[in-house]
Every structure is written in C-alpha cells, then in structure tokens.
Amino acid sequence: MSKSSNRRGPSARPTTTHSSRASRSDAQRRSTRASAVLERRQPAPGGLKRFRSRHPVLSALIPVALVLAIVLTMVIVKVTAGPSGSSAAASQLSTGRTSTAADPGTTALAPGVVAALDVPAATLESVGRPSSVVAPTSTGDNTILRDADGKPIITYVGAEYCPYCAAQRWAIAVALSRFGTFTGLSATHSSSSDVYADTQTLSFYGSQYTSQYVDFQPVEEQTNQAVNGTYPTLQEPTAAQSNLLARFDSQGSIPFLDIANKYVVVGASYSPQVLAGLSQTQIAQQLANPNSAVAQAIDGAANVITAAITQVTGQQPTSVASSPAIAAIAKSLGA
C-alpha cells in the first residue's frame, strides 16, 4: 500500500466538509466565540440589584455562601487531583465551539474494548514497525508546543463519519494509553455511505484523557449522522488549532495529528480495509495478537506515534522510550 493511499481522497472527506472550513475564516470564528463569551458574561439588567432589594436577609447571606462555595471548590479540586496533586491534568474535548446536544452517532463503548487498548508491551515490541505503516513526518521545527503546565500538546482533528479517522483513532488510543488514561470514550462507526462503510471505531467526543506527560486535545468536527446531505457539527477547532491546520494541513484533510509542533500525520497511518467487517469487540480482541493483521496495522501505527511522542516528552516515561522497538523507530524519525 502506498503512502498516498492513506491520504484523504475525494471520498474520504465530503466536499461539504472541506468547503465549510474554507468558508469560515479564523477571524470569523474568533469573532463568533468572543461575542458568545461577552453575551454570557453580561448580567441581566438590574438582575442582582433587584434580587438584593427584595431579599435583604438573603443578601446578607451571599458573602457567607460565596465563602462556602470557594471552600467546597477547593475540596473538590483536592479530591479530583489525586494523591500526586495537579501533576496529572485531564484534557477534555471542549477545546472549540461545541454542540450542547448529545452526540447521536455514538453509543456506550464496551468495557472490554476499553481494556484492550492497553496493549501488552511485549505485543507492541513484537509488532515493531511494519513496512505498511506510515510514520509521522518531522516538521523541522524544534519548538515544542506546550500547554500552560509545560506538557507537550498532542492535537487530533477528525470527524466521526470519516473512515480514515475511524482507523486512526484506534492507533492514537493505543499509543496514548502508554502515556495516560482515557475515560468517557464512546463507540461509533464511519459513515454508512462512504468508502469503507461503517468502519467500527471509538470517538473522542466527550472523553477525558489524564496524563502527567502530555496534553491530548482532540476535536471531532462532525457526527456520522447525515442530515439533509451534511453531517452536523460537533466541534470547531480553536484559533490555535486552526493555526496548526493552516500551517501543516492546508488542504483540509482529516484525520490530522500534530505531535507538539514537531511531528505531523495527515491522513491515516494504515488502510481502513484492515478493519472491514469487524466489530469493535473483534478488533479489540486482536490487538494483543502480534500475528494478526489488525495488530500489525493498529499496534504498528501506535508504535510510530508513540516513538514520536517520546521525542517531545524528553524520553518519558523511560519504560516506554527505552523499549528497543520504540527507540529504533524514534531514531529513524529524526529530530
């Protein structure tokens, strides 16, 4: 399979999606978000003043309530931070303008499928880097993109209808499971009317990822449920994410994966054909078998993504970066 076959073709991303991104500039997006924020911040005219004038006793209790709210917030933060404090922050899928409605294209992901994403290290080592897997490309930029806590940012942009995204999510999830923990992943499938129809996969929409090494920021742009010939919006990239897309993905292809501004993958790392006709459970069950075609594709793609990530985490965690297979792949990727 050639590298170009993994890239988005005309059928991988409908014209409506590509034109919708092109028709709205980053400035328009920023303007829309800014207006929305301002509207939310504006209080109702005289709202608080009227409340206090009509309820003097409750007005006197407001400072006490505020103090209690602050204390309660501190307790919640303390509990959710875990024993190590704030060293492991959760990255939520709320990075852009997000639909408030539930995602109609997803269902609950079976616990067994979630557990299978944590592929045994021995299996990953055995798979190594198959020749059919497309590796991340170096951007040539030595500036590592980090969040406010100093962790490298991993950005994913895709859509639930996209079969190439369906394939790539499996590899991303397996790779990131070596650096942290997912919660809230859901089950979905690619469009029933696209190539590689109904490719079974998982969705990052509404999920959380906790890691002390990286900050994962996924964006699922659209659902897989067509309405009047288009797929409704789930999320839109932030201004910062749009800048990454403009720089490294000017054609608007998905899936798009940026590894801290140092490596990118535009398109799927392997062909969705490997997953044809398989259920999510069947795919998950083959991840631990290094001789299966599924493991060769998904685990192999996860390995090259993992190797690229270790290059931006300072070879952390050591147990992953020191793996012979990962170390060899990382060396081949270049700085």
Protein backbone atom coordinates (compact mmCIF):
# COMPACT_ATOMS: atom_id res chain seq x y z
CA MET A 1 0.00 0.00 0.00
CA SER A 2 1.50 3.30 -0.99
CA LYS A 3 1.72 6.23 1.37
CA SER A 4 -0.63 8.25 -0.80
CA SER A 5 -3.37 5.68 -0.43
CA ASN A 6 -3.62 6.61 3.22
CA ARG A 7 -4.25 10.25 2.43
CA ARG A 8 -7.70 11.71 2.05
CA GLY A 9 -9.16 11.14 -1.38
CA PRO A 10 -12.32 12.75 -2.74
CA SER A 11 -14.46 10.20 -0.92
CA ALA A 12 -12.63 10.42 2.40
CA ARG A 13 -13.94 13.85 3.20
CA PRO A 14 -17.12 15.11 1.54
CA THR A 15 -17.00 18.40 -0.32
CA THR A 16 -19.37 19.94 2.20
CA THR A 17 -16.86 19.49 4.98
CA HIS A 18 -13.92 20.95 3.10
CA SER A 19 -15.91 23.95 1.87
CA SER A 20 -17.39 24.57 5.30
CA ARG A 21 -13.91 25.03 6.73
CA ALA A 22 -12.83 27.22 3.85
CA SER A 23 -15.92 29.41 4.00
CA ARG A 24 -15.30 30.50 7.58
CA SER A 25 -12.09 32.36 8.33
CA ASP A 26 -10.26 32.13 11.65
CA ALA A 27 -11.15 35.74 12.29
CA GLN A 28 -14.86 34.92 11.92
CA ARG A 29 -14.53 32.02 14.32
CA ARG A 30 -12.74 34.15 16.88
CA SER A 31 -15.34 36.88 16.48
CA THR A 32 -18.19 34.42 16.98
CA ARG A 33 -16.59 32.94 20.09
CA ALA A 34 -15.76 36.36 21.52
CA SER A 35 -19.34 37.55 21.03
CA ALA A 36 -20.70 34.43 22.69
CA VAL A 37 -18.39 34.89 25.69
CA LEU A 38 -19.36 38.52 26.06
CA GLU A 39 -23.06 37.64 25.92
CA ARG A 40 -22.61 35.05 28.64
CA ARG A 41 -20.73 37.50 30.83
CA GLN A 42 -23.35 40.26 30.60
CA PRO A 43 -25.70 40.13 33.65
CA ALA A 44 -29.41 40.64 33.25
CA PRO A 45 -30.18 44.38 33.56
CA GLY A 46 -30.56 45.11 37.25
CA GLY A 47 -30.94 41.41 37.95
CA LEU A 48 -28.67 41.14 41.01
CA LYS A 49 -29.73 44.58 42.28
CA ARG A 50 -33.40 43.64 42.23
CA PHE A 51 -32.69 40.36 44.00
CA ARG A 52 -30.91 42.11 46.84
CA SER A 53 -33.52 44.85 47.27
CA ARG A 54 -36.33 42.32 47.51
CA HIS A 55 -34.49 39.87 49.75
CA PRO A 56 -32.38 41.76 52.33
CA VAL A 57 -31.82 38.68 54.51
CA LEU A 58 -30.61 36.56 51.61
CA SER A 59 -28.46 39.48 50.52
CA ALA A 60 -26.64 39.39 53.84
CA LEU A 61 -26.03 35.67 53.43
CA ILE A 62 -24.47 36.00 49.97
CA PRO A 63 -20.87 36.59 51.29
CA VAL A 64 -21.21 33.52 53.52
CA ALA A 65 -22.45 31.44 50.57
CA LEU A 66 -19.56 32.61 48.44
CA VAL A 67 -17.04 31.59 51.10
CA LEU A 68 -18.65 28.15 51.41
CA ALA A 69 -18.63 27.75 47.61
CA ILE A 70 -14.92 28.58 47.46
CA VAL A 71 -14.11 26.09 50.24
CA LEU A 72 -16.20 23.39 48.54
CA THR A 73 -14.43 24.04 45.22
CA MET A 74 -11.04 23.67 46.90
CA VAL A 75 -12.12 20.35 48.42
CA ILE A 76 -13.36 19.06 45.05
CA VAL A 77 -10.13 20.07 43.33
CA LYS A 78 -8.13 18.38 46.07
CA VAL A 79 -10.08 15.14 45.69
CA THR A 80 -10.06 15.00 41.90
CA ALA A 81 -6.37 15.89 41.66
CA GLY A 82 -5.46 12.56 43.23
CA PRO A 83 -2.60 11.82 45.62
CA SER A 84 0.01 13.49 43.42
CA GLY A 85 -1.80 16.82 43.28
CA SER A 86 -2.01 18.61 39.93
CA SER A 87 0.80 16.75 38.17
CA ALA A 88 -1.70 14.82 36.04
CA ALA A 89 -4.30 17.08 34.47
CA ALA A 90 -7.25 15.91 32.40
CA SER A 91 -7.58 17.08 28.81
CA GLN A 92 -11.23 17.36 27.87
CA LEU A 93 -12.80 17.50 24.46
CA SER A 94 -14.03 21.04 24.97
CA THR A 95 -11.35 22.88 23.06
CA GLY A 96 -13.53 24.61 20.50
CA ARG A 97 -17.14 25.66 19.97
CA THR A 98 -19.01 22.51 20.93
CA SER A 99 -22.57 21.46 20.33
CA THR A 100 -24.53 21.25 23.57
CA ALA A 101 -26.61 18.36 22.23
CA ALA A 102 -25.71 14.73 22.84
CA ASP A 103 -23.88 13.01 20.02
CA PRO A 104 -26.44 10.86 18.16
CA GLY A 105 -23.69 8.95 16.38
CA THR A 106 -22.23 7.26 19.46
CA THR A 107 -23.15 4.52 21.92
CA ALA A 108 -21.53 3.11 25.03
CA LEU A 109 -18.15 1.50 24.45
CA ALA A 110 -17.86 -1.98 25.94
CA PRO A 111 -15.51 -2.15 28.95
CA GLY A 112 -13.61 -4.99 27.30
CA VAL A 113 -12.81 -2.80 24.31
CA VAL A 114 -11.51 -0.03 26.56
CA ALA A 115 -9.34 -2.50 28.47
CA ALA A 116 -7.91 -3.92 25.23
CA LEU A 117 -6.49 -0.50 24.30
CA ASP A 118 -3.82 -1.09 26.93
CA VAL A 119 -1.91 -3.48 24.66
CA PRO A 120 0.80 -5.57 26.37
CA ALA A 121 4.28 -4.12 25.94
CA ALA A 122 5.53 -7.48 24.68
CA THR A 123 2.98 -7.43 21.87
CA LEU A 124 3.91 -3.90 20.83
CA GLU A 125 7.59 -4.83 20.90
CA SER A 126 6.93 -7.87 18.72
CA VAL A 127 4.96 -5.86 16.16
CA GLY A 128 7.60 -3.13 15.89
CA ARG A 129 7.22 -1.04 12.75
CA PRO A 130 5.59 -2.84 9.82
CA SER A 131 6.61 -1.51 6.41
CA SER A 132 2.98 -0.79 5.52
CA VAL A 133 2.57 1.75 8.32
CA VAL A 134 3.05 5.45 7.56
CA ALA A 135 5.19 7.20 10.16
CA PRO A 136 4.82 10.80 11.39
CA THR A 137 6.68 13.44 9.38
CA SER A 138 9.10 15.84 11.04
CA THR A 139 8.05 19.47 10.73
CA GLY A 140 11.62 20.66 11.02
CA ASP A 141 10.57 22.94 13.87
CA ASN A 142 12.46 22.49 17.14
CA THR A 143 9.92 24.49 19.15
CA ILE A 144 7.79 22.07 21.17
CA LEU A 145 4.19 23.22 21.57
CA ARG A 146 3.28 23.08 25.27
CA ASP A 147 0.28 23.87 27.44
CA ALA A 148 0.26 26.16 30.48
CA ASP A 149 1.63 23.32 32.63
CA GLY A 150 4.54 22.75 30.27
CA LYS A 151 3.27 19.47 28.84
CA PRO A 152 3.60 18.82 25.09
CA ILE A 153 0.26 19.22 23.29
CA ILE A 154 -0.99 16.41 21.06
CA THR A 155 -3.71 17.68 18.70
CA TYR A 156 -6.11 15.46 16.79
CA VAL A 157 -8.72 16.73 14.32
CA GLY A 158 -11.15 14.34 12.69
CA ALA A 159 -14.84 13.54 12.23
CA GLU A 160 -16.98 10.57 13.08
CA TYR A 161 -18.18 9.99 9.51
CA CYS A 162 -14.61 9.68 8.19
CA PRO A 163 -13.39 6.06 7.66
CA TYR A 164 -9.74 7.10 7.76
CA CYS A 165 -10.34 8.80 11.10
CA ALA A 166 -12.03 5.62 12.29
CA ALA A 167 -8.85 3.67 11.58
CA GLN A 168 -6.50 6.28 13.02
CA ARG A 169 -8.35 6.65 16.32
CA TRP A 170 -7.56 3.06 17.26
CA ALA A 171 -3.83 3.68 16.83
CA ILE A 172 -3.93 7.02 18.66
CA ALA A 173 -5.83 5.49 21.57
CA VAL A 174 -3.37 2.58 21.87
CA ALA A 175 -0.38 4.93 21.70
CA LEU A 176 -1.73 7.41 24.25
CA SER A 177 -2.66 4.57 26.61
CA ARG A 178 1.09 4.22 27.19
CA PHE A 179 1.27 7.79 28.50
CA GLY A 180 -2.01 8.17 30.41
CA THR A 181 -5.58 7.04 30.86
CA PHE A 182 -8.79 7.59 28.90
CA THR A 183 -12.25 7.88 30.41
CA GLY A 184 -15.54 8.50 28.67
CA LEU A 185 -14.62 7.04 25.29
CA SER A 186 -17.67 6.07 23.23
CA ALA A 187 -18.37 3.68 20.39
CA THR A 188 -19.10 4.89 16.88
CA HIS A 189 -18.58 3.99 13.23
CA SER A 190 -17.80 5.76 9.99
CA SER A 191 -20.47 6.82 7.52
CA SER A 192 -22.66 4.11 6.04
CA SER A 193 -22.47 5.79 2.62
CA ASP A 194 -18.72 6.45 2.37
CA VAL A 195 -15.87 4.17 1.33
CA TYR A 196 -15.05 1.52 3.94
CA ALA A 197 -18.64 1.97 5.12
CA ASP A 198 -19.43 1.50 8.81
CA THR A 199 -15.82 1.06 9.91
CA GLN A 200 -16.14 0.32 13.63
CA THR A 201 -14.20 2.60 15.93
CA LEU A 202 -14.31 4.80 19.02
CA SER A 203 -14.95 8.51 19.39
CA PHE A 204 -13.00 11.06 21.43
CA TYR A 205 -16.07 13.30 21.68
CA GLY A 206 -16.94 13.90 25.33
CA SER A 207 -13.94 11.93 26.59
CA GLN A 208 -11.22 12.85 29.05
CA TYR A 209 -7.55 11.95 28.98
CA THR A 210 -5.34 12.13 32.06
CA SER A 211 -1.55 12.15 31.77
CA GLN A 212 1.43 13.63 33.52
CA TYR A 213 3.40 13.57 30.27
CA VAL A 214 1.22 15.04 27.51
CA ASP A 215 -1.90 17.13 26.96
CA PHE A 216 -4.21 15.48 24.44
CA GLN A 217 -6.58 17.90 22.67
CA PRO A 218 -8.89 16.04 20.26
CA VAL A 219 -11.51 17.67 18.05
CA GLU A 220 -14.33 15.66 16.45
CA GLU A 221 -15.67 18.15 13.92
CA GLN A 222 -18.81 16.31 12.80
CA THR A 223 -21.04 13.38 13.62
CA ASN A 224 -21.71 10.39 11.35
CA GLN A 225 -25.45 11.03 11.07
CA ALA A 226 -26.20 12.88 7.82
CA VAL A 227 -28.98 15.48 7.93
CA ASN A 228 -30.12 16.92 4.59
CA GLY A 229 -26.91 15.77 2.95
CA THR A 230 -24.47 17.15 5.53
CA TYR A 231 -23.04 15.96 8.84
CA PRO A 232 -23.95 18.22 11.80
CA THR A 233 -21.14 19.98 13.64
CA LEU A 234 -19.90 18.61 16.94
CA GLN A 235 -16.89 20.86 17.46
CA GLU A 236 -14.81 23.50 15.77
CA PRO A 237 -11.05 23.94 16.24
CA THR A 238 -9.85 26.79 18.41
CA ALA A 239 -7.85 29.64 16.92
CA ALA A 240 -4.60 27.92 17.98
CA GLN A 241 -5.68 24.62 16.45
CA SER A 242 -6.78 26.40 13.28
CA ASN A 243 -3.29 27.88 13.02
CA LEU A 244 -1.81 24.37 13.15
CA LEU A 245 -4.19 23.22 10.42
CA ALA A 246 -3.34 26.20 8.24
CA ARG A 247 0.36 25.53 8.66
CA PHE A 248 0.51 21.75 8.30
CA ASP A 249 -2.81 20.78 6.68
CA SER A 250 -3.64 23.48 4.16
CA GLN A 251 -5.73 21.04 2.07
CA GLY A 252 -8.12 20.45 4.95
CA SER A 253 -7.52 16.69 5.11
CA ILE A 254 -8.59 14.51 8.01
CA PRO A 255 -7.54 12.80 10.14
CA PHE A 256 -4.91 15.28 11.26
CA LEU A 257 -2.48 14.58 14.10
CA ASP A 258 0.03 17.13 15.37
CA ILE A 259 2.57 16.00 17.93
CA ALA A 260 3.66 19.13 19.78
CA ASN A 261 4.52 21.05 16.60
CA LYS A 262 7.40 18.64 15.93
CA TYR A 263 5.71 15.81 14.00
CA VAL A 264 2.52 15.55 11.99
CA VAL A 265 0.45 12.80 10.40
CA VAL A 266 -2.02 13.92 7.73
CA GLY A 267 -4.26 11.01 6.76
CA ALA A 268 -4.45 7.54 8.25
CA SER A 269 -1.31 5.59 9.12
CA TYR A 270 -2.79 2.41 7.60
CA SER A 271 -5.71 1.40 5.39
CA PRO A 272 -9.20 1.08 6.96
CA GLN A 273 -9.59 -2.02 4.77
CA VAL A 274 -7.90 -3.99 7.57
CA LEU A 275 -10.93 -3.41 9.78
CA ALA A 276 -13.59 -4.24 7.17
CA GLY A 277 -16.43 -6.38 8.51
CA LEU A 278 -15.08 -6.49 12.06
CA SER A 279 -16.98 -5.41 15.16
CA GLN A 280 -15.35 -3.26 17.83
CA THR A 281 -15.03 -6.30 20.06
CA GLN A 282 -13.39 -8.36 17.30
CA ILE A 283 -10.92 -5.56 16.61
CA ALA A 284 -10.13 -5.21 20.30
CA GLN A 285 -9.61 -8.95 20.72
CA GLN A 286 -6.95 -9.00 18.01
CA LEU A 287 -4.88 -6.13 19.41
CA ALA A 288 -2.92 -8.44 21.71
CA ASN A 289 -2.11 -10.94 18.94
CA PRO A 290 1.05 -9.64 17.19
CA ASN A 291 0.49 -12.01 14.27
CA SER A 292 -2.96 -10.66 13.40
CA ALA A 293 -3.43 -8.19 10.56
CA VAL A 294 -5.29 -5.89 12.96
CA ALA A 295 -2.40 -5.77 15.43
CA GLN A 296 0.14 -5.28 12.66
CA ALA A 297 -1.81 -2.24 11.47
CA ILE A 298 -3.08 -0.66 14.69
CA ASP A 299 -0.21 -1.58 17.01
CA GLY A 300 2.32 -0.79 14.31
CA ALA A 301 0.79 2.66 13.78
CA ALA A 302 0.61 3.14 17.55
CA ASN A 303 4.32 2.37 17.81
CA VAL A 304 5.38 5.07 15.34
CA ILE A 305 3.10 7.58 17.06
CA THR A 306 4.50 6.51 20.44
CA ALA A 307 8.07 6.97 19.24
CA ALA A 308 7.28 10.49 18.03
CA ILE A 309 5.68 11.35 21.37
CA THR A 310 8.74 10.20 23.33
CA GLN A 311 10.76 12.68 21.28
CA VAL A 312 8.77 15.57 22.72
CA THR A 313 8.43 14.27 26.30
CA GLY A 314 12.17 14.09 26.89
CA GLN A 315 12.18 10.29 26.58
CA GLN A 316 9.49 9.93 29.22
CA PRO A 317 8.25 7.62 30.53
CA THR A 318 11.56 5.78 30.47
CA SER A 319 9.87 2.38 30.42
CA VAL A 320 8.32 3.27 27.06
CA ALA A 321 11.12 5.28 25.48
CA SER A 322 13.76 2.66 26.33
CA SER A 323 11.87 -0.11 24.55
CA PRO A 324 14.16 -1.40 21.76
CA ALA A 325 11.40 -1.11 19.16
CA ILE A 326 10.39 2.42 20.19
CA ALA A 327 13.99 3.58 20.46
CA ALA A 328 14.78 2.26 16.98
CA ILE A 329 11.70 3.91 15.49
CA ALA A 330 12.47 7.21 17.22
CA LYS A 331 15.95 7.17 15.77
CA SER A 332 14.56 6.66 12.29
CA LEU A 333 12.15 9.60 12.65
CA GLY A 334 14.92 12.13 13.00
CA ALA A 335 14.89 15.29 15.10
